[in-house]
Structure formats: structure tokens, C-alpha cells
Amino acid sequence: MHEDQAIDSRHKAGWRIPQWCQETSVSRSTCYNLMDAKRLQAVKLGRSRIILTPPSEFLRSLQQS
């Protein structure tokens, strides 16, 4: 990942599922399980889901568990 992409990631408001999964190295099915368990905040926009929980925030939460 380029440095400018990392900066953009910190300022994004939402991620589509494939983008979020790529940034966290989490599978699509695990991502859906996390949304079902309310560990990720997400909204539905039409037929798409937008994840509002930043990947870095989610990964930091794993350290605290």
C-alpha cells in the first residue's frame, strides 16, 4: 500500500465490503459475521452495505480483547 493510500484510508467515512476486507485481511464471510454480531457498524445503501468502522479501529480492538 502506498503512503498516500494509507492517509486516504484514515479519512474515509465508509468502505464497501471488498475494500474493507482487503485492508483488514478478513474474509467476506467473517466480515458478514462481524456485522451480524454488531462488531462492525454498517449501513445499507440500496443493495450495498457500507462499513463505517475504520479497519484500523477494528484491528486495534482485537488487541484489547
C-alpha atoms as a PDB file:
ATOM      1  CA  MET A   1       0.000   0.000   0.000  1.00  0.00           C
ATOM      2  CA  HIS A   2       1.309   3.426  -0.864  1.00  0.00           C
ATOM      3  CA  GLU A   3       1.649   6.087   1.812  1.00  0.00           C
ATOM      4  CA  ASP A   4      -0.982   8.302   0.152  1.00  0.00           C
ATOM      5  CA  GLN A   5      -3.466   5.382   0.201  1.00  0.00           C
ATOM      6  CA  ALA A   6      -2.901   4.913   3.935  1.00  0.00           C
ATOM      7  CA  ILE A   7      -3.619   8.592   4.548  1.00  0.00           C
ATOM      8  CA  ASP A   8      -6.803   8.413   2.456  1.00  0.00           C
ATOM      9  CA  SER A   9      -7.925   5.323   4.380  1.00  0.00           C
ATOM     10  CA  ARG A  10      -7.763   7.165   7.705  1.00  0.00           C
ATOM     11  CA  HIS A  11     -10.029   9.929   6.386  1.00  0.00           C
ATOM     12  CA  LYS A  12     -12.611   7.748   4.647  1.00  0.00           C
ATOM     13  CA  ALA A  13     -16.102   7.702   6.077  1.00  0.00           C
ATOM     14  CA  GLY A  14     -17.078   4.287   4.740  1.00  0.00           C
ATOM     15  CA  TRP A  15     -15.838   1.209   2.935  1.00  0.00           C
ATOM     16  CA  ARG A  16     -17.533  -1.274   0.652  1.00  0.00           C
ATOM     17  CA  ILE A  17     -17.128  -4.836   1.879  1.00  0.00           C
ATOM     18  CA  PRO A  18     -14.385  -5.893  -0.592  1.00  0.00           C
ATOM     19  CA  GLN A  19     -12.317  -2.784   0.253  1.00  0.00           C
ATOM     20  CA  TRP A  20     -12.676  -3.293   3.995  1.00  0.00           C
ATOM     21  CA  CYS A  21     -11.827  -6.998   3.727  1.00  0.00           C
ATOM     22  CA  GLN A  22      -8.719  -6.221   1.705  1.00  0.00           C
ATOM     23  CA  GLU A  23      -7.494  -3.641   4.227  1.00  0.00           C
ATOM     24  CA  THR A  24      -8.011  -5.978   7.198  1.00  0.00           C
ATOM     25  CA  SER A  25      -7.191  -9.341   5.541  1.00  0.00           C
ATOM     26  CA  VAL A  26     -10.559 -10.608   6.812  1.00  0.00           C
ATOM     27  CA  SER A  27     -12.659 -12.887   4.622  1.00  0.00           C
ATOM     28  CA  ARG A  28     -16.012 -11.751   3.244  1.00  0.00           C
ATOM     29  CA  SER A  29     -17.900 -14.318   5.330  1.00  0.00           C
ATOM     30  CA  THR A  30     -16.093 -13.225   8.506  1.00  0.00           C
ATOM     31  CA  CYS A  31     -16.969  -9.625   7.672  1.00  0.00           C
ATOM     32  CA  TYR A  32     -20.672 -10.512   7.464  1.00  0.00           C
ATOM     33  CA  ASN A  33     -20.405 -12.453  10.729  1.00  0.00           C
ATOM     34  CA  LEU A  34     -18.837  -9.395  12.386  1.00  0.00           C
ATOM     35  CA  MET A  35     -21.664  -7.189  11.103  1.00  0.00           C
ATOM     36  CA  ASP A  36     -24.275  -9.687  12.374  1.00  0.00           C
ATOM     37  CA  ALA A  37     -22.545  -9.718  15.777  1.00  0.00           C
ATOM     38  CA  LYS A  38     -22.619  -5.874  15.811  1.00  0.00           C
ATOM     39  CA  ARG A  39     -18.807  -5.694  15.984  1.00  0.00           C
ATOM     40  CA  LEU A  40     -18.836  -3.549  12.828  1.00  0.00           C
ATOM     41  CA  GLN A  41     -21.064  -0.566  12.193  1.00  0.00           C
ATOM     42  CA  ALA A  42     -22.588  -0.682   8.741  1.00  0.00           C
ATOM     43  CA  VAL A  43     -25.417   0.919   6.819  1.00  0.00           C
ATOM     44  CA  LYS A  44     -27.338  -0.330   3.844  1.00  0.00           C
ATOM     45  CA  LEU A  45     -27.437   1.925   0.806  1.00  0.00           C
ATOM     46  CA  GLY A  46     -29.678   0.427  -1.833  1.00  0.00           C
ATOM     47  CA  ARG A  47     -28.375  -3.108  -2.278  1.00  0.00           C
ATOM     48  CA  SER A  48     -24.902  -2.237  -0.967  1.00  0.00           C
ATOM     49  CA  ARG A  49     -23.545  -2.225   2.549  1.00  0.00           C
ATOM     50  CA  ILE A  50     -21.138   0.461   3.653  1.00  0.00           C
ATOM     51  CA  ILE A  51     -18.959  -0.345   6.651  1.00  0.00           C
ATOM     52  CA  LEU A  52     -18.458   2.670   8.898  1.00  0.00           C
ATOM     53  CA  THR A  53     -15.962   1.099  11.323  1.00  0.00           C
ATOM     54  CA  PRO A  54     -12.460   2.013  10.145  1.00  0.00           C
ATOM     55  CA  PRO A  55     -10.247  -1.016   9.518  1.00  0.00           C
ATOM     56  CA  SER A  56      -7.548   0.370  11.842  1.00  0.00           C
ATOM     57  CA  GLU A  57     -10.093   0.839  14.651  1.00  0.00           C
ATOM     58  CA  PHE A  58     -11.318  -2.734  14.279  1.00  0.00           C
ATOM     59  CA  LEU A  59      -7.775  -4.142  14.296  1.00  0.00           C
ATOM     60  CA  ARG A  60      -6.899  -2.094  17.412  1.00  0.00           C
ATOM     61  CA  SER A  61      -9.984  -3.521  19.133  1.00  0.00           C
ATOM     62  CA  LEU A  62      -8.554  -7.020  18.670  1.00  0.00           C
ATOM     63  CA  GLN A  63      -5.549  -6.064  20.783  1.00  0.00           C
ATOM     64  CA  GLN A  64      -7.849  -5.100  23.650  1.00  0.00           C
ATOM     65  CA  SER A  65      -9.783  -8.381  23.572  1.00  0.00           C
END
